[in-house]
Amino acid sequence: MLPRLTEKWMVPSIESLISAKEKNKENFSRYSAEAIEHARGVQKYMLYYSLKDMKELQM
């Protein structure tokens, strides 16, 4: 399913969610930064704060 995603931020954001579930801090940080870097506008804002909260709560 990942190859069908069209936006550059989508794949890294999903990969960061998978990494969080697996408690893999290195991959979570890398994919989160990549997703935020590629996003723009409201999506960038939402990713930034959602992933920040997820990192603080689960990691």
Protein backbone atom coordinates (compact mmCIF):
# COMPACT_ATOMS: atom_id res chain seq x y z
CA MET A 1 0.00 0.00 0.00
CA LEU A 2 2.85 2.43 0.73
CA PRO A 3 3.93 2.77 -2.94
CA ARG A 4 0.45 4.09 -3.79
CA LEU A 5 0.73 7.09 -1.46
CA THR A 6 1.28 10.22 -3.50
CA GLU A 7 2.43 12.88 -1.05
CA LYS A 8 6.09 12.91 0.05
CA TRP A 9 5.17 13.19 3.74
CA MET A 10 2.76 10.24 3.81
CA VAL A 11 5.20 7.31 3.71
CA PRO A 12 7.56 8.70 6.39
CA SER A 13 4.63 9.56 8.65
CA ILE A 14 3.31 6.00 8.46
CA GLU A 15 6.82 4.63 8.97
CA SER A 16 7.15 6.81 12.07
CA LEU A 17 3.88 5.39 13.44
CA ILE A 18 5.13 1.86 12.85
CA SER A 19 8.43 2.72 14.55
CA ALA A 20 6.60 4.16 17.54
CA LYS A 21 4.55 0.99 17.87
CA GLU A 22 7.76 -1.06 17.74
CA LYS A 23 9.41 1.34 20.25
CA ASN A 24 12.25 2.03 17.81
CA LYS A 25 13.39 5.53 18.83
CA GLU A 26 15.99 5.99 16.09
CA ASN A 27 13.64 5.20 13.23
CA PHE A 28 10.83 7.16 14.86
CA SER A 29 13.00 10.28 15.06
CA ARG A 30 14.29 9.88 11.51
CA TYR A 31 10.91 9.26 9.90
CA SER A 32 9.18 11.95 11.97
CA ALA A 33 11.72 14.56 10.90
CA GLU A 34 11.40 13.49 7.27
CA ALA A 35 7.59 13.63 7.35
CA ILE A 36 7.59 17.09 8.93
CA GLU A 37 10.22 18.32 6.46
CA HIS A 38 8.13 17.32 3.44
CA ALA A 39 4.77 18.53 4.76
CA ARG A 40 3.42 22.06 4.39
CA GLY A 41 0.78 24.22 5.99
CA VAL A 42 -1.79 22.68 8.29
CA GLN A 43 -0.47 19.18 7.62
CA LYS A 44 2.99 20.21 8.81
CA TYR A 45 1.49 21.72 11.96
CA MET A 46 -0.58 18.62 12.69
CA LEU A 47 2.33 16.23 12.09
CA TYR A 48 4.69 18.28 14.25
CA TYR A 49 2.45 18.36 17.30
CA SER A 50 0.99 14.87 16.89
CA LEU A 51 4.40 13.22 16.56
CA LYS A 52 5.83 15.37 19.35
CA ASP A 53 3.05 14.26 21.71
CA MET A 54 3.45 10.65 20.61
CA LYS A 55 7.18 10.78 21.34
CA GLU A 56 6.60 12.20 24.83
CA LEU A 57 3.85 9.72 25.70
CA GLN A 58 5.12 6.47 24.28
CA MET A 59 8.85 6.73 24.19
